[in-house]
Protein backbone atom coordinates (compact mmCIF):
# COMPACT_ATOMS: atom_id res chain seq x y z
CA MET A 1 75.94 107.72 74.70
CA ASP A 2 78.29 110.74 74.52
CA GLU A 3 80.66 109.02 77.00
CA ASN A 4 79.64 111.27 79.89
CA ILE A 5 79.26 109.87 83.41
CA LEU A 6 75.61 109.85 84.54
CA ARG A 7 76.18 108.35 87.98
CA ILE A 8 79.14 106.97 89.91
CA ASN A 9 78.98 105.30 93.31
CA PRO A 10 81.46 105.86 96.19
CA ALA A 11 83.31 102.57 95.58
CA ALA A 12 83.99 103.45 91.94
CA ALA A 13 84.98 106.99 92.90
CA ARG A 14 87.56 105.63 95.35
CA LEU A 15 88.80 103.18 92.72
CA PHE A 16 89.47 106.00 90.25
CA GLU A 17 90.55 108.47 92.95
CA ALA A 18 87.81 110.90 91.97
CA GLU A 19 85.17 113.02 93.72
CA ILE A 20 81.59 112.01 92.98
CA GLU A 21 80.41 115.60 92.47
CA GLU A 22 83.28 116.37 90.10
CA ALA A 23 82.87 113.14 88.11
CA GLN A 24 79.11 113.10 87.46
CA GLY A 25 78.20 114.92 84.28
CA HIS A 26 81.77 115.00 83.05
CA SER A 27 83.49 113.04 80.30
CA VAL A 28 84.55 109.56 81.31
CA GLN A 29 88.03 110.33 79.96
CA GLU A 30 88.47 112.89 82.73
CA VAL A 31 87.97 110.21 85.41
CA VAL A 32 89.10 106.94 83.85
CA ARG A 33 92.62 107.23 82.51
CA ARG A 34 93.16 103.60 81.60
CA ALA A 35 93.13 102.96 77.85
CA GLU A 36 91.83 99.39 78.21
CA LEU A 37 88.88 100.54 80.33
CA LEU A 38 88.02 103.37 77.97
CA GLN A 39 88.09 100.98 75.02
CA PHE A 40 85.85 98.56 76.92
CA ILE A 41 83.36 101.36 77.58
CA ARG A 42 83.35 102.41 73.91
CA THR A 43 82.83 98.79 72.84
CA ALA A 44 79.97 98.42 75.33
CA LEU A 45 78.33 101.58 73.96
CA GLU A 46 78.54 100.18 70.44
CA ASN A 47 76.93 96.86 71.38
CA ASP A 48 73.51 95.94 72.72
CA THR A 49 74.73 92.82 74.53
CA VAL A 50 76.36 92.16 77.88
CA LEU A 51 80.16 92.29 77.78
CA GLU A 52 82.77 91.02 80.23
CA ASP A 53 86.53 91.43 80.45
CA ASP A 54 89.45 91.22 82.90
CA ILE A 55 91.57 94.35 83.18
CA VAL A 56 94.57 95.22 85.36
CA MET A 57 95.00 98.82 86.50
CA PHE A 58 96.88 100.78 89.13
CA SER A 59 95.28 102.86 91.86
CA GLY A 60 97.14 104.44 94.74
CA GLY A 61 100.33 102.78 93.56
CA LYS A 62 98.79 99.30 93.83
CA GLU A 63 97.98 96.82 91.10
CA ILE A 64 94.27 96.04 90.94
CA SER A 65 92.70 93.19 88.98
CA LEU A 66 89.20 94.07 87.82
CA GLN A 67 86.46 91.96 86.33
CA VAL A 68 84.43 94.39 84.22
CA HIS A 69 80.80 93.94 83.16
CA GLY A 70 79.06 96.18 80.67
CA THR A 71 75.32 96.04 79.98
CA PRO A 72 73.02 98.38 78.03
CA LEU A 73 71.30 101.05 80.14
CA LEU A 74 67.71 101.39 78.92
CA GLU A 75 65.08 104.10 79.19
CA GLN A 76 61.50 103.16 80.09
CA ASP A 77 60.53 103.03 76.42
CA GLY A 78 63.33 100.52 75.74
CA SER A 79 65.68 102.98 74.07
CA THR A 80 69.38 102.79 74.99
CA ILE A 81 70.66 105.80 76.90
CA GLY A 82 74.08 104.42 77.75
CA VAL A 83 75.75 101.52 79.48
CA LEU A 84 76.03 100.36 83.06
CA ILE A 85 79.60 99.40 83.91
CA VAL A 86 80.17 97.26 87.01
CA PHE A 87 83.66 96.65 88.39
CA ASN A 88 84.40 93.66 90.61
CA ASP A 89 87.71 93.86 92.47
CA MET A 90 89.32 90.44 91.92
CA THR A 91 92.76 91.45 93.26
CA ARG A 92 92.75 89.15 96.30
CA LEU A 93 91.40 86.21 94.30
CA ARG A 94 93.97 86.68 91.54
CA ARG A 95 96.73 86.95 94.16
CA LEU A 96 95.60 83.70 95.74
CA GLU A 97 95.51 82.03 92.32
CA ARG A 98 99.10 83.12 91.60
CA MET A 99 100.08 82.03 95.10
CA ARG A 100 98.53 78.62 94.53
CA GLN A 101 100.24 78.22 91.15
CA ASP A 102 103.63 79.18 92.60
CA PHE A 103 103.06 76.93 95.58
CA VAL A 104 102.17 73.94 93.43
CA ALA A 105 105.31 74.48 91.35
CA ASN A 106 107.43 74.77 94.49
CA VAL A 107 105.85 71.75 96.15
CA SER A 108 106.45 69.66 93.03
CA HIS A 109 110.13 70.53 93.33
CA GLU A 110 110.16 70.04 97.11
CA LEU A 111 108.59 66.58 96.85
CA LYS A 112 111.00 65.36 94.21
CA THR A 113 114.15 65.72 96.34
CA PRO A 114 113.09 63.70 99.43
CA ILE A 115 111.32 61.06 97.35
CA THR A 116 114.40 60.61 95.18
CA ALA A 117 116.60 60.37 98.27
CA ILE A 118 114.31 57.84 99.97
CA LYS A 119 114.15 55.73 96.80
CA GLY A 120 117.93 55.82 96.38
CA PHE A 121 118.73 54.81 99.96
CA ILE A 122 116.12 52.03 99.97
CA GLU A 123 117.55 50.64 96.73
CA THR A 124 121.03 50.72 98.27
CA LEU A 125 119.77 48.86 101.34
CA LEU A 126 118.09 46.24 99.17
CA ASP A 127 121.27 45.85 97.14
CA GLY A 128 123.17 44.61 100.18
CA ALA A 129 123.78 47.55 102.49
CA LEU A 130 121.51 45.90 105.05
CA ASP A 131 124.38 43.55 105.84
CA ASP A 132 126.37 46.51 107.17
CA ARG A 133 124.52 47.48 110.33
CA VAL A 134 126.31 50.80 110.79
CA GLU A 135 125.66 51.94 107.22
CA SER A 136 122.12 50.60 107.18
CA GLU A 137 121.29 52.53 110.37
CA ARG A 138 122.76 55.69 108.86
CA PHE A 139 120.73 55.25 105.69
CA LEU A 140 117.56 54.56 107.65
CA ASN A 141 118.12 57.70 109.75
CA ILE A 142 118.38 59.71 106.54
CA VAL A 143 115.21 58.09 105.19
CA GLU A 144 113.44 58.98 108.44
CA ARG A 145 114.50 62.62 108.10
CA GLN A 146 113.28 62.72 104.52
CA VAL A 147 109.91 61.37 105.67
CA GLU A 148 109.84 64.18 108.25
CA ARG A 149 110.60 66.61 105.45
CA LEU A 150 107.63 65.29 103.49
CA ASN A 151 105.53 65.87 106.58
CA VAL A 152 106.73 69.50 106.71
CA ILE A 153 105.63 69.98 103.09
CA ILE A 154 102.20 68.61 103.98
CA GLU A 155 102.05 71.05 106.90
CA ASP A 156 102.89 73.87 104.46
CA LEU A 157 99.99 72.80 102.26
CA MET A 158 97.67 72.84 105.25
CA SER A 159 98.98 76.28 106.24
CA LEU A 160 98.17 77.58 102.76
CA SER A 161 94.66 76.24 103.11
CA ARG A 162 94.26 77.98 106.48
CA ILE A 163 95.54 81.27 105.04
CA GLU A 164 93.08 81.06 102.13
CA GLN A 165 90.27 80.47 104.61
CA GLY A 166 91.32 83.57 106.53
CA GLU A 167 92.39 81.82 109.70
CA GLY A 168 95.55 83.87 110.00
CA LYS A 169 99.11 83.97 108.79
CA ASN A 170 102.11 81.80 109.56
CA SER A 171 104.25 82.99 112.43
CA PHE A 172 107.80 81.72 112.62
CA GLU A 173 109.87 81.77 115.78
CA LEU A 174 113.62 81.75 115.23
CA GLY A 175 115.86 79.89 117.62
CA ILE A 176 119.60 80.19 118.09
CA GLU A 177 120.88 76.92 116.68
CA PRO A 178 124.26 75.48 115.61
CA LEU A 179 124.57 75.39 111.84
CA ALA A 180 127.03 72.50 111.47
CA PRO A 181 124.42 69.76 112.17
CA VAL A 182 122.10 71.32 109.59
CA VAL A 183 124.86 71.40 106.97
CA ASN A 184 125.82 67.81 107.79
CA GLU A 185 122.23 66.68 107.24
CA VAL A 186 122.11 68.55 103.93
CA LEU A 187 125.15 66.62 102.71
CA ASN A 188 123.61 63.36 103.94
CA ASN A 189 120.41 64.19 102.07
CA CYS A 190 122.27 64.79 98.83
CA SER A 191 125.02 62.17 99.14
CA MET A 192 123.17 59.47 97.19
CA LEU A 193 122.37 61.73 94.24
CA ALA A 194 125.90 63.13 94.28
CA SER A 195 127.54 59.70 94.25
CA GLN A 196 125.37 58.63 91.34
CA SER A 197 126.79 61.56 89.37
CA ASN A 198 130.36 61.05 90.63
CA ILE A 199 130.24 64.33 92.53
CA ARG A 200 132.08 64.75 95.81
CA LEU A 201 130.44 66.99 98.40
CA GLU A 202 132.55 68.89 100.91
CA HIS A 203 131.77 71.57 103.45
CA SER A 204 133.52 73.81 105.94
CA CYS A 205 131.33 74.91 108.83
CA PRO A 206 132.74 75.64 112.31
CA THR A 207 131.02 73.57 115.00
CA ASP A 208 130.56 76.66 117.18
CA LEU A 209 128.85 78.71 114.47
CA ARG A 210 125.29 79.55 115.60
CA ALA A 211 122.56 81.72 114.16
CA PRO A 212 118.86 82.56 114.64
CA VAL A 213 117.21 80.09 112.25
CA ILE A 214 114.49 77.51 111.84
CA GLY A 215 116.53 74.34 111.39
CA PRO A 216 114.18 72.31 109.17
CA LEU A 217 113.46 75.23 106.87
CA LEU A 218 117.15 76.11 106.55
CA GLU A 219 117.94 72.46 105.81
CA GLN A 220 115.22 72.43 103.16
CA ALA A 221 116.56 75.60 101.51
CA LEU A 222 120.20 74.44 101.55
CA THR A 223 119.24 71.02 100.17
CA ASN A 224 117.48 72.72 97.27
CA LEU A 225 120.58 74.83 96.60
CA VAL A 226 122.92 71.85 96.72
């Protein structure tokens, strides 16, 4: 009740970068130097109910998300002699939650572009472009590529699921590819939206320019930029 540490286990000692022998019997302020945690401990000492809170701290230069539980520590006669504080490291779970939120936001953006392009080209075909075989084939080729792009997004979602389940990380193999075809496809992808806004798209990319890339991913990134 005097805010002295009665016991501390090895996991908590590592968390606060302390030695067990040096921590036990000493003031909690000497070991825990996080104001939010100290306030939680004081609040727990002042209450006879179970408390919970989420606190972010830094240990070893890393951000750690903690779920903190405080419950009265009772003597055999029922009198309160302190509080038991339990820390659950939620860092990985919180990181996955942020990753999922960011991914959902990105996927929403990624889905909008190919769907808009597919819708635009299909409407153009239905409006009479089907009569022009050359143009209709070009539009259908673009629609096919956008469908492939949607498939890539689905693969990304599946990859995220595999990562969350601990089955490993993505590994990307770069290949030396010409960039001009990728840039051409990007302009094809965006041509319908551009024309609707009276915007002319131009590019200058030497046909012999090559680089270590993943074509579909580069196309996806450039399309987003355009």
